[in-house]
Amino acid sequence: MGAHGVLGSEPESIDYSVHEAWNEATNVYLLVILVSFGLLMYARKNKRKIMRIFTLPPAAGSNPEPNFYDSLQKVRLRQQLEMYSLARKFEQQQGQTDSVQLSME
């Protein structure tokens, strides 16, 4: 009977912290599952609103680079036109001096 008395006093000395931690962990997992399920249902119902948040407007996403390159091309074109006009002026001046030289001879 002495052995039974020892076994009888054993349950009082069991450490319940493991059971409490397990209960808290399962509560957390259950909460995470419920929140995930709620978010999934919300996402199904409001799919267009959510997609609108993550998609950029086409004008805002594609404008900066083409504007930069367009302006760069315009600058190059302007430089080429200026060089062409300077060359034409120089050729005209050369033609006038040649005609003046010819007329003087």
PDB file of N, CA and C in Angstrom:
ATOM      1  N   MET A   1       0.817  -1.179   0.000  1.00  0.00           N
ATOM      2  CA  MET A   1       0.000   0.000   0.000  1.00  0.00           C
ATOM      3  C   MET A   1       0.866   1.249   0.000  1.00  0.00           C
ATOM      4  N   GLY A   2       2.091   1.107   0.511  1.00  0.00           N
ATOM      5  CA  GLY A   2       3.006   2.231   0.529  1.00  0.00           C
ATOM      6  C   GLY A   2       3.322   2.694  -0.883  1.00  0.00           C
ATOM      7  N   ALA A   3       3.437   1.757  -1.820  1.00  0.00           N
ATOM      8  CA  ALA A   3       3.724   2.104  -3.211  1.00  0.00           C
ATOM      9  C   ALA A   3       2.532   2.842  -3.818  1.00  0.00           C
ATOM     10  N   HIS A   4       1.333   2.428  -3.428  1.00  0.00           N
ATOM     11  CA  HIS A   4       0.161   3.098  -3.942  1.00  0.00           C
ATOM     12  C   HIS A   4       0.076   4.533  -3.406  1.00  0.00           C
ATOM     13  N   GLY A   5       0.503   4.740  -2.215  1.00  0.00           N
ATOM     14  CA  GLY A   5       0.516   6.076  -1.626  1.00  0.00           C
ATOM     15  C   GLY A   5       1.484   6.985  -2.380  1.00  0.00           C
ATOM     16  N   VAL A   6       2.606   6.441  -2.806  1.00  0.00           N
ATOM     17  CA  VAL A   6       3.594   7.221  -3.542  1.00  0.00           C
ATOM     18  C   VAL A   6       3.019   7.598  -4.919  1.00  0.00           C
ATOM     19  N   LEU A   7       2.354   6.626  -5.552  1.00  0.00           N
ATOM     20  CA  LEU A   7       1.745   6.912  -6.846  1.00  0.00           C
ATOM     21  C   LEU A   7       0.614   7.912  -6.701  1.00  0.00           C
ATOM     22  N   GLY A   8      -0.096   7.845  -5.605  1.00  0.00           N
ATOM     23  CA  GLY A   8      -1.203   8.762  -5.386  1.00  0.00           C
ATOM     24  C   GLY A   8      -0.726  10.188  -5.211  1.00  0.00           C
ATOM     25  N   SER A   9       0.459  10.389  -4.653  1.00  0.00           N
ATOM     26  CA  SER A   9       0.955  11.746  -4.448  1.00  0.00           C
ATOM     27  C   SER A   9       1.660  12.283  -5.694  1.00  0.00           C
ATOM     28  N   GLU A  10       1.914  11.407  -6.681  1.00  0.00           N
ATOM     29  CA  GLU A  10       2.606  11.829  -7.894  1.00  0.00           C
ATOM     30  C   GLU A  10       1.804  12.841  -8.730  1.00  0.00           C
ATOM     31  N   PRO A  11       0.511  12.666  -8.983  1.00  0.00           N
ATOM     32  CA  PRO A  11      -0.212  13.616  -9.818  1.00  0.00           C
ATOM     33  C   PRO A  11      -0.167  15.051  -9.281  1.00  0.00           C
ATOM     34  N   GLU A  12      -0.042  15.221  -7.992  1.00  0.00           N
ATOM     35  CA  GLU A  12       0.022  16.572  -7.448  1.00  0.00           C
ATOM     36  C   GLU A  12       1.334  17.268  -7.848  1.00  0.00           C
ATOM     37  N   SER A  13       2.385  16.504  -8.076  1.00  0.00           N
ATOM     38  CA  SER A  13       3.681  17.099  -8.399  1.00  0.00           C
ATOM     39  C   SER A  13       3.930  17.189  -9.905  1.00  0.00           C
ATOM     40  N   ILE A  14       2.938  16.864 -10.756  1.00  0.00           N
ATOM     41  CA  ILE A  14       3.130  16.941 -12.206  1.00  0.00           C
ATOM     42  C   ILE A  14       3.223  18.419 -12.606  1.00  0.00           C
ATOM     43  N   ASP A  15       4.175  18.699 -13.501  1.00  0.00           N
ATOM     44  CA  ASP A  15       4.375  20.067 -13.984  1.00  0.00           C
ATOM     45  C   ASP A  15       3.371  20.339 -15.106  1.00  0.00           C
ATOM     46  N   TYR A  16       2.479  21.280 -14.885  1.00  0.00           N
ATOM     47  CA  TYR A  16       1.434  21.580 -15.863  1.00  0.00           C
ATOM     48  C   TYR A  16       1.839  22.689 -16.838  1.00  0.00           C
ATOM     49  N   SER A  17       3.052  23.202 -16.737  1.00  0.00           N
ATOM     50  CA  SER A  17       3.471  24.286 -17.628  1.00  0.00           C
ATOM     51  C   SER A  17       3.508  23.819 -19.086  1.00  0.00           C
ATOM     52  N   VAL A  18       3.852  22.537 -19.304  1.00  0.00           N
ATOM     53  CA  VAL A  18       3.872  22.002 -20.661  1.00  0.00           C
ATOM     54  C   VAL A  18       2.463  22.012 -21.232  1.00  0.00           C
ATOM     55  N   HIS A  19       1.493  21.614 -20.439  1.00  0.00           N
ATOM     56  CA  HIS A  19       0.105  21.595 -20.908  1.00  0.00           C
ATOM     57  C   HIS A  19      -0.406  23.001 -21.168  1.00  0.00           C
ATOM     58  N   GLU A  20      -0.041  23.943 -20.306  1.00  0.00           N
ATOM     59  CA  GLU A  20      -0.458  25.329 -20.504  1.00  0.00           C
ATOM     60  C   GLU A  20       0.162  25.911 -21.781  1.00  0.00           C
ATOM     61  N   ALA A  21       1.444  25.608 -22.004  1.00  0.00           N
ATOM     62  CA  ALA A  21       2.113  26.096 -23.218  1.00  0.00           C
ATOM     63  C   ALA A  21       1.455  25.485 -24.448  1.00  0.00           C
ATOM     64  N   TRP A  22       1.103  24.200 -24.372  1.00  0.00           N
ATOM     65  CA  TRP A  22       0.444  23.543 -25.510  1.00  0.00           C
ATOM     66  C   TRP A  22      -0.924  24.185 -25.773  1.00  0.00           C
ATOM     67  N   ASN A  23      -1.651  24.469 -24.712  1.00  0.00           N
ATOM     68  CA  ASN A  23      -2.958  25.108 -24.879  1.00  0.00           C
ATOM     69  C   ASN A  23      -2.814  26.501 -25.500  1.00  0.00           C
ATOM     70  N   GLU A  24      -1.829  27.272 -25.049  1.00  0.00           N
ATOM     71  CA  GLU A  24      -1.609  28.595 -25.609  1.00  0.00           C
ATOM     72  C   GLU A  24      -1.207  28.504 -27.077  1.00  0.00           C
ATOM     73  N   ALA A  25      -0.345  27.536 -27.408  1.00  0.00           N
ATOM     74  CA  ALA A  25       0.095  27.367 -28.791  1.00  0.00           C
ATOM     75  C   ALA A  25      -1.081  26.986 -29.682  1.00  0.00           C
ATOM     76  N   THR A  26      -1.913  26.075 -29.227  1.00  0.00           N
ATOM     77  CA  THR A  26      -3.059  25.681 -30.048  1.00  0.00           C
ATOM     78  C   THR A  26      -4.032  26.842 -30.188  1.00  0.00           C
ATOM     79  N   ASN A  27      -4.161  27.669 -29.164  1.00  0.00           N
ATOM     80  CA  ASN A  27      -5.020  28.848 -29.272  1.00  0.00           C
ATOM     81  C   ASN A  27      -4.470  29.824 -30.322  1.00  0.00           C
ATOM     82  N   VAL A  28      -3.156  29.994 -30.331  1.00  0.00           N
ATOM     83  CA  VAL A  28      -2.539  30.890 -31.300  1.00  0.00           C
ATOM     84  C   VAL A  28      -2.733  30.341 -32.709  1.00  0.00           C
ATOM     85  N   TYR A  29      -2.498  29.032 -32.886  1.00  0.00           N
ATOM     86  CA  TYR A  29      -2.692  28.434 -34.210  1.00  0.00           C
ATOM     87  C   TYR A  29      -4.133  28.565 -34.668  1.00  0.00           C
ATOM     88  N   LEU A  30      -5.062  28.332 -33.752  1.00  0.00           N
ATOM     89  CA  LEU A  30      -6.472  28.447 -34.098  1.00  0.00           C
ATOM     90  C   LEU A  30      -6.803  29.883 -34.501  1.00  0.00           C
ATOM     91  N   LEU A  31      -6.272  30.842 -33.772  1.00  0.00           N
ATOM     92  CA  LEU A  31      -6.499  32.246 -34.102  1.00  0.00           C
ATOM     93  C   LEU A  31      -5.916  32.591 -35.478  1.00  0.00           C
ATOM     94  N   VAL A  32      -4.709  32.103 -35.774  1.00  0.00           N
ATOM     95  CA  VAL A  32      -4.081  32.364 -37.071  1.00  0.00           C
ATOM     96  C   VAL A  32      -4.907  31.744 -38.195  1.00  0.00           C
ATOM     97  N   ILE A  33      -5.396  30.549 -37.994  1.00  0.00           N
ATOM     98  CA  ILE A  33      -6.217  29.892 -39.015  1.00  0.00           C
ATOM     99  C   ILE A  33      -7.504  30.669 -39.241  1.00  0.00           C
ATOM    100  N   LEU A  34      -8.148  31.121 -38.171  1.00  0.00           N
ATOM    101  CA  LEU A  34      -9.397  31.866 -38.323  1.00  0.00           C
ATOM    102  C   LEU A  34      -9.171  33.205 -39.028  1.00  0.00           C
ATOM    103  N   VAL A  35      -8.107  33.911 -38.673  1.00  0.00           N
ATOM    104  CA  VAL A  35      -7.809  35.184 -39.321  1.00  0.00           C
ATOM    105  C   VAL A  35      -7.475  34.961 -40.797  1.00  0.00           C
ATOM    106  N   SER A  36      -6.709  33.925 -41.093  1.00  0.00           N
ATOM    107  CA  SER A  36      -6.381  33.626 -42.491  1.00  0.00           C
ATOM    108  C   SER A  36      -7.633  33.299 -43.287  1.00  0.00           C
ATOM    109  N   PHE A  37      -8.520  32.537 -42.699  1.00  0.00           N
ATOM    110  CA  PHE A  37      -9.767  32.193 -43.379  1.00  0.00           C
ATOM    111  C   PHE A  37     -10.609  33.445 -43.624  1.00  0.00           C
ATOM    112  N   GLY A  38     -10.658  34.335 -42.624  1.00  0.00           N
ATOM    113  CA  GLY A  38     -11.391  35.586 -42.788  1.00  0.00           C
ATOM    114  C   GLY A  38     -10.804  36.457 -43.883  1.00  0.00           C
ATOM    115  N   LEU A  39      -9.470  36.548 -43.925  1.00  0.00           N
ATOM    116  CA  LEU A  39      -8.815  37.330 -44.979  1.00  0.00           C
ATOM    117  C   LEU A  39      -9.047  36.713 -46.353  1.00  0.00           C
ATOM    118  N   LEU A  40      -9.060  35.392 -46.420  1.00  0.00           N
ATOM    119  CA  LEU A  40      -9.335  34.726 -47.685  1.00  0.00           C
ATOM    120  C   LEU A  40     -10.742  35.037 -48.173  1.00  0.00           C
ATOM    121  N   MET A  41     -11.710  34.996 -47.282  1.00  0.00           N
ATOM    122  CA  MET A  41     -13.089  35.310 -47.658  1.00  0.00           C
ATOM    123  C   MET A  41     -13.206  36.775 -48.086  1.00  0.00           C
ATOM    124  N   TYR A  42     -12.542  37.680 -47.367  1.00  0.00           N
ATOM    125  CA  TYR A  42     -12.552  39.094 -47.724  1.00  0.00           C
ATOM    126  C   TYR A  42     -11.904  39.312 -49.089  1.00  0.00           C
ATOM    127  N   ALA A  43     -10.784  38.602 -49.340  1.00  0.00           N
ATOM    128  CA  ALA A  43     -10.085  38.752 -50.611  1.00  0.00           C
ATOM    129  C   ALA A  43     -10.938  38.244 -51.765  1.00  0.00           C
ATOM    130  N   ARG A  44     -11.665  37.173 -51.546  1.00  0.00           N
ATOM    131  CA  ARG A  44     -12.541  36.676 -52.611  1.00  0.00           C
ATOM    132  C   ARG A  44     -13.649  37.667 -52.918  1.00  0.00           C
ATOM    133  N   LYS A  45     -14.177  38.275 -51.878  1.00  0.00           N
ATOM    134  CA  LYS A  45     -15.290  39.196 -52.071  1.00  0.00           C
ATOM    135  C   LYS A  45     -14.822  40.519 -52.686  1.00  0.00           C
ATOM    136  N   ASN A  46     -13.648  41.006 -52.309  1.00  0.00           N
ATOM    137  CA  ASN A  46     -13.166  42.319 -52.747  1.00  0.00           C
ATOM    138  C   ASN A  46     -11.900  42.192 -53.592  1.00  0.00           C
ATOM    139  N   LYS A  47     -11.904  41.265 -54.530  1.00  0.00           N
ATOM    140  CA  LYS A  47     -10.714  40.999 -55.338  1.00  0.00           C
ATOM    141  C   LYS A  47     -10.314  42.214 -56.157  1.00  0.00           C
ATOM    142  N   ARG A  48     -11.274  42.914 -56.733  1.00  0.00           N
ATOM    143  CA  ARG A  48     -10.950  44.060 -57.592  1.00  0.00           C
ATOM    144  C   ARG A  48     -10.349  45.209 -56.796  1.00  0.00           C
ATOM    145  N   LYS A  49     -10.874  45.452 -55.602  1.00  0.00           N
ATOM    146  CA  LYS A  49     -10.304  46.518 -54.767  1.00  0.00           C
ATOM    147  C   LYS A  49      -8.855  46.218 -54.428  1.00  0.00           C
ATOM    148  N   ILE A  50      -8.576  44.979 -54.076  1.00  0.00           N
ATOM    149  CA  ILE A  50      -7.221  44.599 -53.678  1.00  0.00           C
ATOM    150  C   ILE A  50      -6.276  44.687 -54.867  1.00  0.00           C
ATOM    151  N   MET A  51      -6.714  44.235 -56.033  1.00  0.00           N
ATOM    152  CA  MET A  51      -5.862  44.293 -57.214  1.00  0.00           C
ATOM    153  C   MET A  51      -5.596  45.740 -57.635  1.00  0.00           C
ATOM    154  N   ARG A  52      -6.563  46.618 -57.418  1.00  0.00           N
ATOM    155  CA  ARG A  52      -6.385  48.028 -57.756  1.00  0.00           C
ATOM    156  C   ARG A  52      -5.306  48.663 -56.886  1.00  0.00           C
ATOM    157  N   ILE A  53      -5.172  48.192 -55.660  1.00  0.00           N
ATOM    158  CA  ILE A  53      -4.148  48.740 -54.766  1.00  0.00           C
ATOM    159  C   ILE A  53      -2.757  48.390 -55.276  1.00  0.00           C
ATOM    160  N   PHE A  54      -2.571  47.139 -55.746  1.00  0.00           N
ATOM    161  CA  PHE A  54      -1.234  46.672 -56.098  1.00  0.00           C
ATOM    162  C   PHE A  54      -0.832  46.991 -57.530  1.00  0.00           C
ATOM    163  N   THR A  55      -1.779  47.357 -58.398  1.00  0.00           N
ATOM    164  CA  THR A  55      -1.416  47.680 -59.777  1.00  0.00           C
ATOM    165  C   THR A  55      -1.179  49.179 -59.893  1.00  0.00           C
ATOM    166  N   LEU A  56      -0.125  49.536 -60.628  1.00  0.00           N
ATOM    167  CA  LEU A  56       0.180  50.941 -60.859  1.00  0.00           C
ATOM    168  C   LEU A  56      -0.632  51.441 -62.041  1.00  0.00           C
ATOM    169  N   PRO A  57      -1.034  52.683 -62.013  1.00  0.00           N
ATOM    170  CA  PRO A  57      -1.711  53.222 -63.188  1.00  0.00           C
ATOM    171  C   PRO A  57      -0.757  53.208 -64.384  1.00  0.00           C
ATOM    172  N   PRO A  58      -1.237  52.942 -65.586  1.00  0.00           N
ATOM    173  CA  PRO A  58      -0.334  52.837 -66.730  1.00  0.00           C
ATOM    174  C   PRO A  58       0.401  54.132 -67.037  1.00  0.00           C
ATOM    175  N   ALA A  59      -0.223  55.263 -66.785  1.00  0.00           N
ATOM    176  CA  ALA A  59       0.437  56.540 -67.083  1.00  0.00           C
ATOM    177  C   ALA A  59       1.580  56.798 -66.103  1.00  0.00           C
ATOM    178  N   ALA A  60       1.368  56.500 -64.832  1.00  0.00           N
ATOM    179  CA  ALA A  60       2.399  56.781 -63.832  1.00  0.00           C
ATOM    180  C   ALA A  60       3.565  55.813 -63.951  1.00  0.00           C
ATOM    181  N   GLY A  61       3.304  54.570 -64.325  1.00  0.00           N
ATOM    182  CA  GLY A  61       4.370  53.582 -64.388  1.00  0.00           C
ATOM    183  C   GLY A  61       5.266  53.730 -65.601  1.00  0.00           C
ATOM    184  N   SER A  62       4.728  54.185 -66.726  1.00  0.00           N
ATOM    185  CA  SER A  62       5.515  54.196 -67.956  1.00  0.00           C
ATOM    186  C   SER A  62       5.967  55.588 -68.384  1.00  0.00           C
ATOM    187  N   ASN A  63       5.567  56.645 -67.732  1.00  0.00           N
ATOM    188  CA  ASN A  63       5.903  57.999 -68.174  1.00  0.00           C
ATOM    189  C   ASN A  63       7.351  58.418 -67.938  1.00  0.00           C
ATOM    190  N   PRO A  64       7.947  58.201 -66.778  1.00  0.00           N
ATOM    191  CA  PRO A  64       9.253  58.817 -66.518  1.00  0.00           C
ATOM    192  C   PRO A  64      10.334  58.426 -67.514  1.00  0.00           C
ATOM    193  N   GLU A  65      10.490  57.151 -67.849  1.00  0.00           N
ATOM    194  CA  GLU A  65      11.571  56.761 -68.745  1.00  0.00           C
ATOM    195  C   GLU A  65      11.352  57.256 -70.170  1.00  0.00           C
ATOM    196  N   PRO A  66      10.181  57.033 -70.770  1.00  0.00           N
ATOM    197  CA  PRO A  66      10.015  57.549 -72.141  1.00  0.00           C
ATOM    198  C   PRO A  66      10.171  59.065 -72.222  1.00  0.00           C
ATOM    199  N   ASN A  67       9.717  59.797 -71.208  1.00  0.00           N
ATOM    200  CA  ASN A  67       9.897  61.251 -71.231  1.00  0.00           C
ATOM    201  C   ASN A  67      11.373  61.609 -71.220  1.00  0.00           C
ATOM    202  N   PHE A  68      12.140  60.883 -70.432  1.00  0.00           N
ATOM    203  CA  PHE A  68      13.578  61.142 -70.363  1.00  0.00           C
ATOM    204  C   PHE A  68      14.213  60.876 -71.719  1.00  0.00           C
ATOM    205  N   TYR A  69      13.894  59.725 -72.308  1.00  0.00           N
ATOM    206  CA  TYR A  69      14.493  59.386 -73.598  1.00  0.00           C
ATOM    207  C   TYR A  69      13.970  60.289 -74.711  1.00  0.00           C
ATOM    208  N   ASP A  70      12.680  60.650 -74.634  1.00  0.00           N
ATOM    209  CA  ASP A  70      12.142  61.576 -75.627  1.00  0.00           C
ATOM    210  C   ASP A  70      12.860  62.918 -75.550  1.00  0.00           C
ATOM    211  N   SER A  71      13.063  63.398 -74.331  1.00  0.00           N
ATOM    212  CA  SER A  71      13.745  64.687 -74.204  1.00  0.00           C
ATOM    213  C   SER A  71      15.192  64.572 -74.671  1.00  0.00           C
ATOM    214  N   LEU A  72      15.822  63.427 -74.422  1.00  0.00           N
ATOM    215  CA  LEU A  72      17.193  63.228 -74.884  1.00  0.00           C
ATOM    216  C   LEU A  72      17.247  63.211 -76.411  1.00  0.00           C
ATOM    217  N   GLN A  73      16.279  62.559 -77.031  1.00  0.00           N
ATOM    218  CA  GLN A  73      16.231  62.547 -78.493  1.00  0.00           C
ATOM    219  C   GLN A  73      15.960  63.944 -79.040  1.00  0.00           C
ATOM    220  N   LYS A  74      15.117  64.696 -78.353  1.00  0.00           N
ATOM    221  CA  LYS A  74      14.845  66.061 -78.806  1.00  0.00           C
ATOM    222  C   LYS A  74      16.089  66.927 -78.702  1.00  0.00           C
ATOM    223  N   VAL A  75      16.861  66.743 -77.639  1.00  0.00           N
ATOM    224  CA  VAL A  75      18.095  67.513 -77.489  1.00  0.00           C
ATOM    225  C   VAL A  75      19.066  67.164 -78.606  1.00  0.00           C
ATOM    226  N   ARG A  76      19.197  65.872 -78.901  1.00  0.00           N
ATOM    227  CA  ARG A  76      20.095  65.457 -79.982  1.00  0.00           C
ATOM    228  C   ARG A  76      19.627  66.008 -81.326  1.00  0.00           C
ATOM    229  N   LEU A  77      18.316  65.936 -81.548  1.00  0.00           N
ATOM    230  CA  LEU A  77      17.776  66.471 -82.801  1.00  0.00           C
ATOM    231  C   LEU A  77      18.019  67.978 -82.904  1.00  0.00           C
ATOM    232  N   ARG A  78      17.835  68.690 -81.813  1.00  0.00           N
ATOM    233  CA  ARG A  78      18.082  70.133 -81.807  1.00  0.00           C
ATOM    234  C   ARG A  78      19.552  70.416 -82.102  1.00  0.00           C
ATOM    235  N   GLN A  79      20.454  69.631 -81.488  1.00  0.00           N
ATOM    236  CA  GLN A  79      21.881  69.824 -81.747  1.00  0.00           C
ATOM    237  C   GLN A  79      22.210  69.566 -83.217  1.00  0.00           C
ATOM    238  N   GLN A  80      21.613  68.506 -83.773  1.00  0.00           N
ATOM    239  CA  GLN A  80      21.873  68.205 -85.180  1.00  0.00           C
ATOM    240  C   GLN A  80      21.353  69.319 -86.084  1.00  0.00           C
ATOM    241  N   LEU A  81      20.169  69.841 -85.751  1.00  0.00           N
ATOM    242  CA  LEU A  81      19.626  70.937 -86.552  1.00  0.00           C
ATOM    243  C   LEU A  81      20.493  72.191 -86.458  1.00  0.00           C
ATOM    244  N   GLU A  82      20.995  72.474 -85.270  1.00  0.00           N
ATOM    245  CA  GLU A  82      21.867  73.631 -85.107  1.00  0.00           C
ATOM    246  C   GLU A  82      23.150  73.462 -85.908  1.00  0.00           C
ATOM    247  N   MET A  83      23.718  72.242 -85.841  1.00  0.00           N
ATOM    248  CA  MET A  83      24.936  71.993 -86.606  1.00  0.00           C
ATOM    249  C   MET A  83      24.660  72.095 -88.102  1.00  0.00           C
ATOM    250  N   TYR A  84      23.519  71.583 -88.532  1.00  0.00           N
ATOM    251  CA  TYR A  84      23.162  71.662 -89.949  1.00  0.00           C
ATOM    252  C   TYR A  84      22.992  73.113 -90.387  1.00  0.00           C
ATOM    253  N   SER A  85      22.311  73.899 -89.551  1.00  0.00           N
ATOM    254  CA  SER A  85      22.098  75.311 -89.921  1.00  0.00           C
ATOM    255  C   SER A  85      23.423  76.067 -89.930  1.00  0.00           C
ATOM    256  N   LEU A  86      24.317  75.769 -88.988  1.00  0.00           N
ATOM    257  CA  LEU A  86      25.636  76.416 -88.993  1.00  0.00           C
ATOM    258  C   LEU A  86      26.422  76.024 -90.238  1.00  0.00           C
ATOM    259  N   ALA A  87      26.331  74.761 -90.612  1.00  0.00           N
ATOM    260  CA  ALA A  87      27.047  74.309 -91.804  1.00  0.00           C
ATOM    261  C   ALA A  87      26.488  74.985 -93.043  1.00  0.00           C
ATOM    262  N   ARG A  88      25.158  75.112 -93.118  1.00  0.00           N
ATOM    263  CA  ARG A  88      24.545  75.794 -94.270  1.00  0.00           C
ATOM    264  C   ARG A  88      24.975  77.259 -94.329  1.00  0.00           C
ATOM    265  N   LYS A  89      24.996  77.920 -93.168  1.00  0.00           N
ATOM    266  CA  LYS A  89      25.428  79.323 -93.143  1.00  0.00           C
ATOM    267  C   LYS A  89      26.880  79.439 -93.586  1.00  0.00           C
ATOM    268  N   PHE A  90      27.709  78.519 -93.096  1.00  0.00           N
ATOM    269  CA  PHE A  90      29.127  78.544 -93.464  1.00  0.00           C
ATOM    270  C   PHE A  90      29.285  78.316 -94.966  1.00  0.00           C
ATOM    271  N   GLU A  91      28.506  77.343 -95.502  1.00  0.00           N
ATOM    272  CA  GLU A  91      28.576  77.078 -96.942  1.00  0.00           C
ATOM    273  C   GLU A  91      28.103  78.293 -97.743  1.00  0.00           C
ATOM    274  N   GLN A  92      27.059  78.943 -97.272  1.00  0.00           N
ATOM    275  CA  GLN A  92      26.563  80.137 -97.977  1.00  0.00           C
ATOM    276  C   GLN A  92      27.607  81.248 -97.943  1.00  0.00           C
ATOM    277  N   GLN A  93      28.253  81.406 -96.776  1.00  0.00           N
ATOM    278  CA  GLN A  93      29.294  82.437 -96.678  1.00  0.00           C
ATOM    279  C   GLN A  93      30.465  82.098 -97.589  1.00  0.00           C
ATOM    280  N   GLN A  94      30.825  80.820 -97.633  1.00  0.00           N
ATOM    281  CA  GLN A  94      31.919  80.411 -98.515  1.00  0.00           C
ATOM    282  C   GLN A  94      31.523  80.654 -99.971  1.00  0.00           C
ATOM    283  N   GLY A  95      30.259  80.352-100.296  1.00  0.00           N
ATOM    284  CA  GLY A  95      29.786  80.576-101.661  1.00  0.00           C
ATOM    285  C   GLY A  95      29.799  82.046-102.014  1.00  0.00           C
ATOM    286  N   GLN A  96      29.436  82.912-101.076  1.00  0.00           N
ATOM    287  CA  GLN A  96      29.432  84.362-101.338  1.00  0.00           C
ATOM    288  C   GLN A  96      30.857  84.876-101.518  1.00  0.00           C
ATOM    289  N   THR A  97      31.769  84.421-100.669  1.00  0.00           N
ATOM    290  CA  THR A  97      33.155  84.882-100.803  1.00  0.00           C
ATOM    291  C   THR A  97      33.751  84.385-102.096  1.00  0.00           C
ATOM    292  N   ASP A  98      33.388  83.147-102.494  1.00  0.00           N
ATOM    293  CA  ASP A  98      33.887  82.629-103.769  1.00  0.00           C
ATOM    294  C   ASP A  98      33.354  83.469-104.933  1.00  0.00           C
ATOM    295  N   SER A  99      32.045  83.818-104.857  1.00  0.00           N
ATOM    296  CA  SER A  99      31.458  84.615-105.943  1.00  0.00           C
ATOM    297  C   SER A  99      32.068  86.022-105.951  1.00  0.00           C
ATOM    298  N   VAL A 100      32.365  86.549-104.761  1.00  0.00           N
ATOM    299  CA  VAL A 100      33.003  87.863-104.708  1.00  0.00           C
ATOM    300  C   VAL A 100      34.402  87.770-105.298  1.00  0.00           C
ATOM    301  N   GLN A 101      35.111  86.718-104.961  1.00  0.00           N
ATOM    302  CA  GLN A 101      36.461  86.557-105.501  1.00  0.00           C
ATOM    303  C   GLN A 101      36.437  86.377-107.014  1.00  0.00           C
ATOM    304  N   LEU A 102      35.431  85.647-107.490  1.00  0.00           N
ATOM    305  CA  LEU A 102      35.326  85.430-108.934  1.00  0.00           C
ATOM    306  C   LEU A 102      35.000  86.721-109.673  1.00  0.00           C
ATOM    307  N   SER A 103      34.103  87.510-109.050  1.00  0.00           N
ATOM    308  CA  SER A 103      33.724  88.744-109.705  1.00  0.00           C
ATOM    309  C   SER A 103      34.869  89.758-109.707  1.00  0.00           C
ATOM    310  N   MET A 104      35.720  89.691-108.708  1.00  0.00           N
ATOM    311  CA  MET A 104      36.832  90.620-108.633  1.00  0.00           C
ATOM    312  C   MET A 104      37.910  90.251-109.634  1.00  0.00           C
ATOM    313  N   GLU A 105      37.979  89.000-109.990  1.00  0.00           N
ATOM    314  CA  GLU A 105      39.017  88.603-110.939  1.00  0.00           C
ATOM    315  C   GLU A 105      38.595  89.050-112.280  1.00  0.00           C
TER     316      GLU A 105
END
